[in-house]
């Protein structure tokens, strides 16, 4: 039996060694490799990343003694514009996918 995953890729022994070592960078590289090459692995990560709905709901909280209705309405409108531009569903799904693949997310929202 050929222990190579495919020519030029990880061997079964290398995969076992990486898993046993627990070295994070190697595990992340292995996870990215499986995400690129293994449809079941990719489908599981994509499924888990899309489980959450990431629906947004903005509730204005204000003190009528300190803020005018006009100020609250302006702040509410700005918050709605920010959430709209953020595209929360796609942005957070992408972040969750990366987190599931590598265990961490480096980026700016």
C-alpha atoms as a PDB file:
ATOM      1  CA  UNK A   1       0.000   0.000   0.000  1.00  0.00           C
ATOM      2  CA  UNK A   2       1.264   3.448  -0.888  1.00  0.00           C
ATOM      3  CA  UNK A   3       1.458   5.656   2.223  1.00  0.00           C
ATOM      4  CA  UNK A   4       1.643   8.885   0.236  1.00  0.00           C
ATOM      5  CA  UNK A   5      -1.540  10.961   0.176  1.00  0.00           C
ATOM      6  CA  UNK A   6      -0.616  11.996  -3.347  1.00  0.00           C
ATOM      7  CA  UNK A   7       2.671  12.619  -5.068  1.00  0.00           C
ATOM      8  CA  UNK A   8       4.521  15.490  -3.396  1.00  0.00           C
ATOM      9  CA  UNK A   9       2.105  15.740  -0.455  1.00  0.00           C
ATOM     10  CA  UNK A  10       2.149  14.544   3.150  1.00  0.00           C
ATOM     11  CA  UNK A  11       2.773  10.869   3.840  1.00  0.00           C
ATOM     12  CA  UNK A  12       0.702   9.035   6.439  1.00  0.00           C
ATOM     13  CA  UNK A  13       3.799   8.934   8.663  1.00  0.00           C
ATOM     14  CA  UNK A  14       4.250  12.707   8.341  1.00  0.00           C
ATOM     15  CA  UNK A  15       0.596  13.302   9.191  1.00  0.00           C
ATOM     16  CA  UNK A  16       0.810  11.064  12.256  1.00  0.00           C
ATOM     17  CA  UNK A  17       4.030  12.773  13.330  1.00  0.00           C
ATOM     18  CA  UNK A  18       2.510  16.248  12.980  1.00  0.00           C
ATOM     19  CA  UNK A  19      -0.549  15.230  14.983  1.00  0.00           C
ATOM     20  CA  UNK A  20       1.584  13.618  17.706  1.00  0.00           C
ATOM     21  CA  UNK A  21       3.927  16.621  17.919  1.00  0.00           C
ATOM     22  CA  UNK A  22       1.095  19.125  18.425  1.00  0.00           C
ATOM     23  CA  UNK A  23       3.235  21.852  16.846  1.00  0.00           C
ATOM     24  CA  UNK A  24       0.728  24.588  15.954  1.00  0.00           C
ATOM     25  CA  UNK A  25       2.232  25.881  12.707  1.00  0.00           C
ATOM     26  CA  UNK A  26       2.518  22.351  11.301  1.00  0.00           C
ATOM     27  CA  UNK A  27      -1.036  21.515  12.400  1.00  0.00           C
ATOM     28  CA  UNK A  28      -2.323  24.691  10.734  1.00  0.00           C
ATOM     29  CA  UNK A  29      -0.448  23.854   7.537  1.00  0.00           C
ATOM     30  CA  UNK A  30      -1.895  20.335   7.625  1.00  0.00           C
ATOM     31  CA  UNK A  31      -5.410  21.666   8.196  1.00  0.00           C
ATOM     32  CA  UNK A  32      -5.088  24.099   5.272  1.00  0.00           C
ATOM     33  CA  UNK A  33      -3.775  21.234   3.141  1.00  0.00           C
ATOM     34  CA  UNK A  34      -6.766  19.036   4.027  1.00  0.00           C
ATOM     35  CA  UNK A  35      -9.143  21.952   3.399  1.00  0.00           C
ATOM     36  CA  UNK A  36      -7.700  22.342  -0.118  1.00  0.00           C
ATOM     37  CA  UNK A  37      -7.530  18.627  -0.960  1.00  0.00           C
ATOM     38  CA  UNK A  38     -10.223  16.780   1.002  1.00  0.00           C
ATOM     39  CA  UNK A  39     -13.835  17.556   0.119  1.00  0.00           C
ATOM     40  CA  UNK A  40     -15.261  15.961   3.283  1.00  0.00           C
ATOM     41  CA  UNK A  41     -12.959  18.030   5.492  1.00  0.00           C
ATOM     42  CA  UNK A  42     -13.791  21.204   3.520  1.00  0.00           C
ATOM     43  CA  UNK A  43     -17.545  20.469   3.593  1.00  0.00           C
ATOM     44  CA  UNK A  44     -17.485  19.913   7.362  1.00  0.00           C
ATOM     45  CA  UNK A  45     -15.671  23.187   7.977  1.00  0.00           C
ATOM     46  CA  UNK A  46     -17.936  25.085   5.569  1.00  0.00           C
ATOM     47  CA  UNK A  47     -21.016  23.570   7.198  1.00  0.00           C
ATOM     48  CA  UNK A  48     -19.865  24.467  10.718  1.00  0.00           C
ATOM     49  CA  UNK A  49     -18.885  27.975   9.612  1.00  0.00           C
ATOM     50  CA  UNK A  50     -22.354  28.596   8.171  1.00  0.00           C
ATOM     51  CA  UNK A  51     -24.369  27.188  11.102  1.00  0.00           C
ATOM     52  CA  UNK A  52     -24.637  30.555  12.798  1.00  0.00           C
ATOM     53  CA  UNK A  53     -27.039  33.021  11.242  1.00  0.00           C
ATOM     54  CA  UNK A  54     -25.208  36.171  12.326  1.00  0.00           C
ATOM     55  CA  UNK A  55     -28.429  38.131  12.288  1.00  0.00           C
ATOM     56  CA  UNK A  56     -28.015  41.639  13.595  1.00  0.00           C
ATOM     57  CA  UNK A  57     -30.405  43.611  15.722  1.00  0.00           C
ATOM     58  CA  UNK A  58     -29.680  47.153  16.831  1.00  0.00           C
ATOM     59  CA  UNK A  59     -31.397  48.468  19.938  1.00  0.00           C
ATOM     60  CA  UNK A  60     -30.856  52.121  20.775  1.00  0.00           C
ATOM     61  CA  UNK A  61     -30.279  52.735  24.464  1.00  0.00           C
ATOM     62  CA  UNK A  62     -30.381  56.334  25.495  1.00  0.00           C
ATOM     63  CA  UNK A  63     -31.217  58.731  28.281  1.00  0.00           C
ATOM     64  CA  UNK A  64     -33.787  61.284  27.107  1.00  0.00           C
ATOM     65  CA  UNK A  65     -32.363  63.739  29.669  1.00  0.00           C
ATOM     66  CA  UNK A  66     -28.941  63.651  27.993  1.00  0.00           C
ATOM     67  CA  UNK A  67     -29.661  63.093  24.289  1.00  0.00           C
ATOM     68  CA  UNK A  68     -32.189  64.548  21.944  1.00  0.00           C
ATOM     69  CA  UNK A  69     -34.264  62.290  19.682  1.00  0.00           C
ATOM     70  CA  UNK A  70     -32.374  63.772  16.732  1.00  0.00           C
ATOM     71  CA  UNK A  71     -28.994  62.682  18.206  1.00  0.00           C
ATOM     72  CA  UNK A  72     -30.324  59.194  18.903  1.00  0.00           C
ATOM     73  CA  UNK A  73     -31.747  58.893  15.399  1.00  0.00           C
ATOM     74  CA  UNK A  74     -28.427  60.026  13.882  1.00  0.00           C
ATOM     75  CA  UNK A  75     -26.434  57.540  16.010  1.00  0.00           C
ATOM     76  CA  UNK A  76     -28.924  54.785  15.149  1.00  0.00           C
ATOM     77  CA  UNK A  77     -28.614  55.567  11.444  1.00  0.00           C
ATOM     78  CA  UNK A  78     -24.792  55.490  11.685  1.00  0.00           C
ATOM     79  CA  UNK A  79     -24.930  52.127  13.476  1.00  0.00           C
ATOM     80  CA  UNK A  80     -27.251  50.721  10.788  1.00  0.00           C
ATOM     81  CA  UNK A  81     -24.920  51.990   8.047  1.00  0.00           C
ATOM     82  CA  UNK A  82     -21.936  50.350   9.786  1.00  0.00           C
ATOM     83  CA  UNK A  83     -23.715  46.992  10.112  1.00  0.00           C
ATOM     84  CA  UNK A  84     -24.828  47.174   6.486  1.00  0.00           C
ATOM     85  CA  UNK A  85     -21.269  47.863   5.291  1.00  0.00           C
ATOM     86  CA  UNK A  86     -19.886  45.150   7.570  1.00  0.00           C
ATOM     87  CA  UNK A  87     -21.921  42.477   5.756  1.00  0.00           C
ATOM     88  CA  UNK A  88     -21.975  40.531   9.024  1.00  0.00           C
ATOM     89  CA  UNK A  89     -23.198  37.206   7.632  1.00  0.00           C
ATOM     90  CA  UNK A  90     -20.444  36.887   5.024  1.00  0.00           C
ATOM     91  CA  UNK A  91     -17.725  38.524   7.123  1.00  0.00           C
ATOM     92  CA  UNK A  92     -18.300  36.398  10.222  1.00  0.00           C
ATOM     93  CA  UNK A  93     -18.776  33.218   8.189  1.00  0.00           C
ATOM     94  CA  UNK A  94     -15.375  33.861   6.566  1.00  0.00           C
ATOM     95  CA  UNK A  95     -13.783  34.532   9.977  1.00  0.00           C
ATOM     96  CA  UNK A  96     -15.354  31.400  11.473  1.00  0.00           C
ATOM     97  CA  UNK A  97     -14.142  29.306   8.525  1.00  0.00           C
ATOM     98  CA  UNK A  98     -10.569  30.543   9.022  1.00  0.00           C
ATOM     99  CA  UNK A  99     -10.825  29.963  12.762  1.00  0.00           C
ATOM    100  CA  UNK A 100     -12.008  26.382  12.198  1.00  0.00           C
ATOM    101  CA  UNK A 101      -9.184  25.722   9.724  1.00  0.00           C
ATOM    102  CA  UNK A 102      -6.358  27.205  11.773  1.00  0.00           C
ATOM    103  CA  UNK A 103      -7.630  27.673  15.303  1.00  0.00           C
ATOM    104  CA  UNK A 104      -7.090  31.429  15.103  1.00  0.00           C
ATOM    105  CA  UNK A 105      -8.100  34.489  13.077  1.00  0.00           C
ATOM    106  CA  UNK A 106      -5.750  37.379  12.350  1.00  0.00           C
ATOM    107  CA  UNK A 107      -7.480  40.244  10.673  1.00  0.00           C
ATOM    108  CA  UNK A 108      -9.314  43.494  10.889  1.00  0.00           C
ATOM    109  CA  UNK A 109     -13.062  43.715  10.892  1.00  0.00           C
END
